[in-house]
Amino acid sequence: MLSLDLLEHPHSGEMLSMSLEKCLTHWEIPKEKALQIISDNGANMVKAVNMLTKRATAQEDAVEDDEEAVDGCDDAGMKTHC
């Protein structure tokens, strides 16, 4: 177990997702490295894990877009063609 958090009611998917993300951040675990999360199949837990997954995917896409933008520019920020 990495964390035990006291959560106020209601235990919504949003609140649980933020708690999961807080734990991963505290332990310096990138979201994309969390391969499994074991829980019950309550709708709030399913939503929390889905939200965490979507944020991880969005962050990966943003990093890839930034890398592509940098690769296509010279030092002055001008587009270059190879």
Protein backbone atom coordinates (compact mmCIF):
# COMPACT_ATOMS: atom_id res chain seq x y z
CA MET A 1 0.00 0.00 0.00
CA LEU A 2 1.38 3.40 -0.96
CA SER A 3 -1.18 5.69 0.62
CA LEU A 4 -4.16 5.85 2.90
CA ASP A 5 -6.23 9.02 2.52
CA LEU A 6 -9.26 10.15 4.47
CA LEU A 7 -11.78 11.37 1.90
CA GLU A 8 -14.86 13.41 2.64
CA HIS A 9 -18.21 12.29 1.27
CA PRO A 10 -19.32 11.92 -1.42
CA HIS A 11 -16.61 9.64 -2.80
CA SER A 12 -17.11 10.80 -6.36
CA GLY A 13 -15.06 9.63 -9.31
CA GLU A 14 -13.49 13.09 -9.54
CA MET A 15 -12.41 13.08 -5.89
CA LEU A 16 -11.03 9.55 -6.08
CA SER A 17 -9.18 10.34 -9.30
CA MET A 18 -7.51 13.36 -7.70
CA SER A 19 -6.53 11.23 -4.69
CA LEU A 20 -4.98 8.59 -6.97
CA GLU A 21 -3.10 11.26 -8.91
CA LYS A 22 -1.88 12.86 -5.64
CA CYS A 23 -0.49 9.50 -4.52
CA LEU A 24 1.28 8.89 -7.82
CA THR A 25 2.76 12.39 -7.74
CA HIS A 26 3.91 11.98 -4.13
CA TRP A 27 5.74 8.76 -5.00
CA GLU A 28 7.03 10.28 -8.29
CA ILE A 29 5.31 7.61 -10.38
CA PRO A 30 4.32 8.85 -13.86
CA LYS A 31 0.65 8.11 -14.58
CA GLU A 32 1.58 6.19 -17.71
CA LYS A 33 3.67 3.80 -15.58
CA ALA A 34 0.69 2.77 -13.40
CA LEU A 35 -0.27 -0.41 -15.19
CA GLN A 36 -2.83 -1.78 -12.76
CA ILE A 37 -5.14 -0.38 -10.14
CA ILE A 38 -7.03 -2.92 -8.09
CA SER A 39 -10.36 -1.90 -6.60
CA ASP A 40 -13.98 -2.91 -6.46
CA ASN A 41 -16.06 -2.27 -9.56
CA GLY A 42 -18.06 0.58 -8.07
CA ALA A 43 -19.08 3.18 -10.64
CA ASN A 44 -17.08 5.86 -8.80
CA MET A 45 -13.87 3.77 -8.93
CA VAL A 46 -14.36 2.92 -12.60
CA LYS A 47 -14.87 6.62 -13.34
CA ALA A 48 -11.81 7.60 -11.26
CA VAL A 49 -9.50 5.22 -13.10
CA ASN A 50 -10.94 6.23 -16.49
CA MET A 51 -10.38 9.92 -15.66
CA LEU A 52 -6.79 9.22 -14.56
CA THR A 53 -6.16 7.27 -17.77
CA LYS A 54 -7.56 10.07 -19.95
CA ARG A 55 -5.37 12.68 -18.22
CA ALA A 56 -2.28 10.48 -18.67
CA THR A 57 -3.08 10.01 -22.36
CA ALA A 58 -3.69 13.74 -22.85
CA GLN A 59 -0.35 14.56 -21.19
CA GLU A 60 1.48 12.03 -23.39
CA ASP A 61 -0.13 13.54 -26.50
CA ALA A 62 0.84 17.07 -25.40
CA VAL A 63 4.47 16.03 -24.84
CA GLU A 64 4.62 14.35 -28.25
CA ASP A 65 3.14 17.47 -29.89
CA ASP A 66 5.72 19.67 -28.13
CA GLU A 67 8.57 17.39 -29.22
CA GLU A 68 7.35 17.46 -32.83
CA ALA A 69 7.11 21.26 -32.74
CA VAL A 70 10.66 21.59 -31.38
CA ASP A 71 12.07 19.10 -33.90
CA GLY A 72 10.64 21.11 -36.79
CA CYS A 73 12.21 24.45 -35.75
CA ASP A 74 15.72 25.85 -35.95
CA ASP A 75 17.33 27.82 -33.10
CA ALA A 76 15.43 30.99 -34.07
CA GLY A 77 12.11 29.15 -33.97
CA MET A 78 11.82 29.09 -37.77
CA LYS A 79 10.37 26.06 -39.50
CA THR A 80 13.00 23.94 -41.23
CA HIS A 81 12.62 21.35 -43.94
CA CYS A 82 14.85 18.31 -44.30
